[in-house]
């Protein structure tokens, strides 16, 4: 059975970032999707965002990068950044822990966007008419 996952279009710093958020029991998963334009692929994005990754790893996040085709259009693809972190087993009952992780996700997203802008990477799926 598949459920719809919450997807957000975060608007900040004169750009937009497609983000999906998941909670699998007590594992948090954040997925950032960037249009693969101008020879951008997973390996290239990982290198350009290395400084961001190092900072987020200090907060306990782990990462994966992949090239993902756009469903129904083999000529277009996204570069996805998967971010994983483990909350405590009492995450759903612990408001202080929820506040920590909400704040951390906001900060991680903010710095992802700032670092991408510093590297000249456009994030918005709207610039290429990608499905949101």
C-alpha atoms as a PDB file:
ATOM      1  CA  UNK A   1       0.000   0.000   0.000  1.00  0.00           C
ATOM      2  CA  UNK A   2       1.362   3.425  -0.928  1.00  0.00           C
ATOM      3  CA  UNK A   3       0.479   6.632   0.857  1.00  0.00           C
ATOM      4  CA  UNK A   4       0.851  10.160  -0.413  1.00  0.00           C
ATOM      5  CA  UNK A   5       3.938  11.747   1.083  1.00  0.00           C
ATOM      6  CA  UNK A   6       3.960  15.397   2.088  1.00  0.00           C
ATOM      7  CA  UNK A   7       5.757  17.456  -0.531  1.00  0.00           C
ATOM      8  CA  UNK A   8       6.625  21.118  -0.055  1.00  0.00           C
ATOM      9  CA  UNK A   9       7.889  23.850  -2.334  1.00  0.00           C
ATOM     10  CA  UNK A  10      10.093  25.916  -0.009  1.00  0.00           C
ATOM     11  CA  UNK A  11      10.471  29.508  -1.236  1.00  0.00           C
ATOM     12  CA  UNK A  12      13.445  31.510   0.039  1.00  0.00           C
ATOM     13  CA  UNK A  13      16.490  33.424  -1.157  1.00  0.00           C
ATOM     14  CA  UNK A  14      14.943  34.136  -4.579  1.00  0.00           C
ATOM     15  CA  UNK A  15      14.632  30.424  -5.346  1.00  0.00           C
ATOM     16  CA  UNK A  16      12.441  27.424  -4.594  1.00  0.00           C
ATOM     17  CA  UNK A  17      13.349  23.951  -3.380  1.00  0.00           C
ATOM     18  CA  UNK A  18      11.196  20.849  -3.760  1.00  0.00           C
ATOM     19  CA  UNK A  19      11.257  18.941  -0.458  1.00  0.00           C
ATOM     20  CA  UNK A  20       9.576  15.779   0.745  1.00  0.00           C
ATOM     21  CA  UNK A  21       9.370  14.849   4.424  1.00  0.00           C
ATOM     22  CA  UNK A  22       8.805  11.345   5.798  1.00  0.00           C
ATOM     23  CA  UNK A  23       8.648   9.809   9.247  1.00  0.00           C
ATOM     24  CA  UNK A  24       9.285   6.064   9.257  1.00  0.00           C
ATOM     25  CA  UNK A  25       8.645   5.017  12.862  1.00  0.00           C
ATOM     26  CA  UNK A  26      11.445   7.133  14.399  1.00  0.00           C
ATOM     27  CA  UNK A  27      13.628   7.664  11.318  1.00  0.00           C
ATOM     28  CA  UNK A  28      13.238  11.084   9.740  1.00  0.00           C
ATOM     29  CA  UNK A  29      13.774  11.308   5.991  1.00  0.00           C
ATOM     30  CA  UNK A  30      14.071  14.570   4.077  1.00  0.00           C
ATOM     31  CA  UNK A  31      14.399  14.413   0.295  1.00  0.00           C
ATOM     32  CA  UNK A  32      15.459  17.469  -1.712  1.00  0.00           C
ATOM     33  CA  UNK A  33      14.796  17.356  -5.474  1.00  0.00           C
ATOM     34  CA  UNK A  34      16.756  19.595  -7.833  1.00  0.00           C
ATOM     35  CA  UNK A  35      16.186  19.708 -11.605  1.00  0.00           C
ATOM     36  CA  UNK A  36      19.123  18.058 -13.378  1.00  0.00           C
ATOM     37  CA  UNK A  37      20.119  20.882 -15.720  1.00  0.00           C
ATOM     38  CA  UNK A  38      23.418  22.108 -17.133  1.00  0.00           C
ATOM     39  CA  UNK A  39      25.157  18.722 -16.722  1.00  0.00           C
ATOM     40  CA  UNK A  40      24.125  18.496 -13.057  1.00  0.00           C
ATOM     41  CA  UNK A  41      24.061  14.946 -11.722  1.00  0.00           C
ATOM     42  CA  UNK A  42      24.227  13.292  -8.309  1.00  0.00           C
ATOM     43  CA  UNK A  43      28.042  13.154  -8.190  1.00  0.00           C
ATOM     44  CA  UNK A  44      28.397  16.805  -9.191  1.00  0.00           C
ATOM     45  CA  UNK A  45      25.788  18.025  -6.709  1.00  0.00           C
ATOM     46  CA  UNK A  46      27.387  16.002  -3.900  1.00  0.00           C
ATOM     47  CA  UNK A  47      30.756  17.657  -4.559  1.00  0.00           C
ATOM     48  CA  UNK A  48      29.296  21.163  -4.755  1.00  0.00           C
ATOM     49  CA  UNK A  49      27.316  20.730  -1.539  1.00  0.00           C
ATOM     50  CA  UNK A  50      30.121  19.024   0.399  1.00  0.00           C
ATOM     51  CA  UNK A  51      30.434  21.947   2.833  1.00  0.00           C
ATOM     52  CA  UNK A  52      26.691  21.767   3.562  1.00  0.00           C
ATOM     53  CA  UNK A  53      26.850  17.972   4.021  1.00  0.00           C
ATOM     54  CA  UNK A  54      29.683  18.214   6.546  1.00  0.00           C
ATOM     55  CA  UNK A  55      27.718  20.680   8.641  1.00  0.00           C
ATOM     56  CA  UNK A  56      24.558  18.594   8.584  1.00  0.00           C
ATOM     57  CA  UNK A  57      26.484  15.438   9.463  1.00  0.00           C
ATOM     58  CA  UNK A  58      27.624  17.114  12.680  1.00  0.00           C
ATOM     59  CA  UNK A  59      23.939  17.272  13.668  1.00  0.00           C
ATOM     60  CA  UNK A  60      23.529  13.538  13.071  1.00  0.00           C
ATOM     61  CA  UNK A  61      22.209  13.384   9.489  1.00  0.00           C
ATOM     62  CA  UNK A  62      23.352  10.759   6.978  1.00  0.00           C
ATOM     63  CA  UNK A  63      23.070  11.222   3.196  1.00  0.00           C
ATOM     64  CA  UNK A  64      22.531   9.621  -0.159  1.00  0.00           C
ATOM     65  CA  UNK A  65      22.512  11.164  -3.627  1.00  0.00           C
ATOM     66  CA  UNK A  66      20.856   9.795  -6.752  1.00  0.00           C
ATOM     67  CA  UNK A  67      19.719  10.688 -10.239  1.00  0.00           C
ATOM     68  CA  UNK A  68      15.964  10.115 -10.536  1.00  0.00           C
ATOM     69  CA  UNK A  69      14.018  10.180 -13.792  1.00  0.00           C
ATOM     70  CA  UNK A  70      10.823  12.208 -13.915  1.00  0.00           C
ATOM     71  CA  UNK A  71       7.893   9.775 -14.133  1.00  0.00           C
ATOM     72  CA  UNK A  72       6.543   9.655 -17.656  1.00  0.00           C
ATOM     73  CA  UNK A  73       9.347  11.743 -19.178  1.00  0.00           C
ATOM     74  CA  UNK A  74      12.637   9.936 -19.706  1.00  0.00           C
ATOM     75  CA  UNK A  75      14.255  13.107 -21.056  1.00  0.00           C
ATOM     76  CA  UNK A  76      14.112  14.885 -17.708  1.00  0.00           C
ATOM     77  CA  UNK A  77      15.377  13.943 -14.279  1.00  0.00           C
ATOM     78  CA  UNK A  78      15.926  15.230 -10.790  1.00  0.00           C
ATOM     79  CA  UNK A  79      18.984  14.969  -8.615  1.00  0.00           C
ATOM     80  CA  UNK A  80      17.767  13.840  -5.218  1.00  0.00           C
ATOM     81  CA  UNK A  81      19.496  14.349  -1.901  1.00  0.00           C
ATOM     82  CA  UNK A  82      18.266  11.927   0.768  1.00  0.00           C
ATOM     83  CA  UNK A  83      18.843  12.978   4.363  1.00  0.00           C
ATOM     84  CA  UNK A  84      18.278  10.468   7.180  1.00  0.00           C
ATOM     85  CA  UNK A  85      18.311  10.950  10.947  1.00  0.00           C
ATOM     86  CA  UNK A  86      17.038   8.913  13.861  1.00  0.00           C
ATOM     87  CA  UNK A  87      14.776  10.460  16.445  1.00  0.00           C
ATOM     88  CA  UNK A  88      14.221   8.812  19.790  1.00  0.00           C
ATOM     89  CA  UNK A  89      11.764   5.974  20.128  1.00  0.00           C
ATOM     90  CA  UNK A  90       9.449   8.322  22.044  1.00  0.00           C
ATOM     91  CA  UNK A  91       9.524  10.960  19.266  1.00  0.00           C
ATOM     92  CA  UNK A  92       5.741  11.099  18.822  1.00  0.00           C
ATOM     93  CA  UNK A  93       5.178  11.796  22.537  1.00  0.00           C
ATOM     94  CA  UNK A  94       8.162  14.078  23.205  1.00  0.00           C
ATOM     95  CA  UNK A  95       7.358  17.694  22.279  1.00  0.00           C
ATOM     96  CA  UNK A  96      10.865  18.936  23.053  1.00  0.00           C
ATOM     97  CA  UNK A  97      12.373  16.352  20.704  1.00  0.00           C
ATOM     98  CA  UNK A  98       9.837  17.282  17.996  1.00  0.00           C
ATOM     99  CA  UNK A  99      10.804  20.938  18.382  1.00  0.00           C
ATOM    100  CA  UNK A 100      14.500  20.045  18.067  1.00  0.00           C
ATOM    101  CA  UNK A 101      14.012  18.087  14.844  1.00  0.00           C
ATOM    102  CA  UNK A 102      11.628  20.642  13.305  1.00  0.00           C
ATOM    103  CA  UNK A 103      14.155  23.382  13.946  1.00  0.00           C
ATOM    104  CA  UNK A 104      16.992  21.226  12.642  1.00  0.00           C
ATOM    105  CA  UNK A 105      15.127  20.433   9.398  1.00  0.00           C
ATOM    106  CA  UNK A 106      14.428  24.139   8.862  1.00  0.00           C
ATOM    107  CA  UNK A 107      18.105  25.005   9.430  1.00  0.00           C
ATOM    108  CA  UNK A 108      19.316  22.169   7.191  1.00  0.00           C
ATOM    109  CA  UNK A 109      16.949  23.287   4.411  1.00  0.00           C
ATOM    110  CA  UNK A 110      18.001  26.921   4.810  1.00  0.00           C
ATOM    111  CA  UNK A 111      21.686  26.106   4.466  1.00  0.00           C
ATOM    112  CA  UNK A 112      21.037  23.724   1.554  1.00  0.00           C
ATOM    113  CA  UNK A 113      19.452  26.625  -0.314  1.00  0.00           C
ATOM    114  CA  UNK A 114      22.169  29.105   0.661  1.00  0.00           C
ATOM    115  CA  UNK A 115      24.987  26.743  -0.321  1.00  0.00           C
ATOM    116  CA  UNK A 116      23.306  25.931  -3.638  1.00  0.00           C
ATOM    117  CA  UNK A 117      22.997  29.667  -4.372  1.00  0.00           C
ATOM    118  CA  UNK A 118      26.669  30.180  -3.457  1.00  0.00           C
ATOM    119  CA  UNK A 119      27.586  27.431  -5.952  1.00  0.00           C
ATOM    120  CA  UNK A 120      25.311  28.832  -8.666  1.00  0.00           C
ATOM    121  CA  UNK A 121      22.856  25.921  -8.622  1.00  0.00           C
ATOM    122  CA  UNK A 122      19.269  26.825  -9.483  1.00  0.00           C
ATOM    123  CA  UNK A 123      16.830  24.781  -7.441  1.00  0.00           C
ATOM    124  CA  UNK A 124      13.353  25.682  -8.662  1.00  0.00           C
ATOM    125  CA  UNK A 125      11.442  23.015 -10.582  1.00  0.00           C
ATOM    126  CA  UNK A 126       9.417  25.831 -12.164  1.00  0.00           C
ATOM    127  CA  UNK A 127      12.340  27.122 -14.215  1.00  0.00           C
ATOM    128  CA  UNK A 128      12.099  24.063 -16.394  1.00  0.00           C
ATOM    129  CA  UNK A 129       8.422  23.212 -16.047  1.00  0.00           C
ATOM    130  CA  UNK A 130       9.183  20.144 -13.956  1.00  0.00           C
ATOM    131  CA  UNK A 131       6.172  18.637 -12.192  1.00  0.00           C
ATOM    132  CA  UNK A 132       5.905  19.843  -8.620  1.00  0.00           C
END
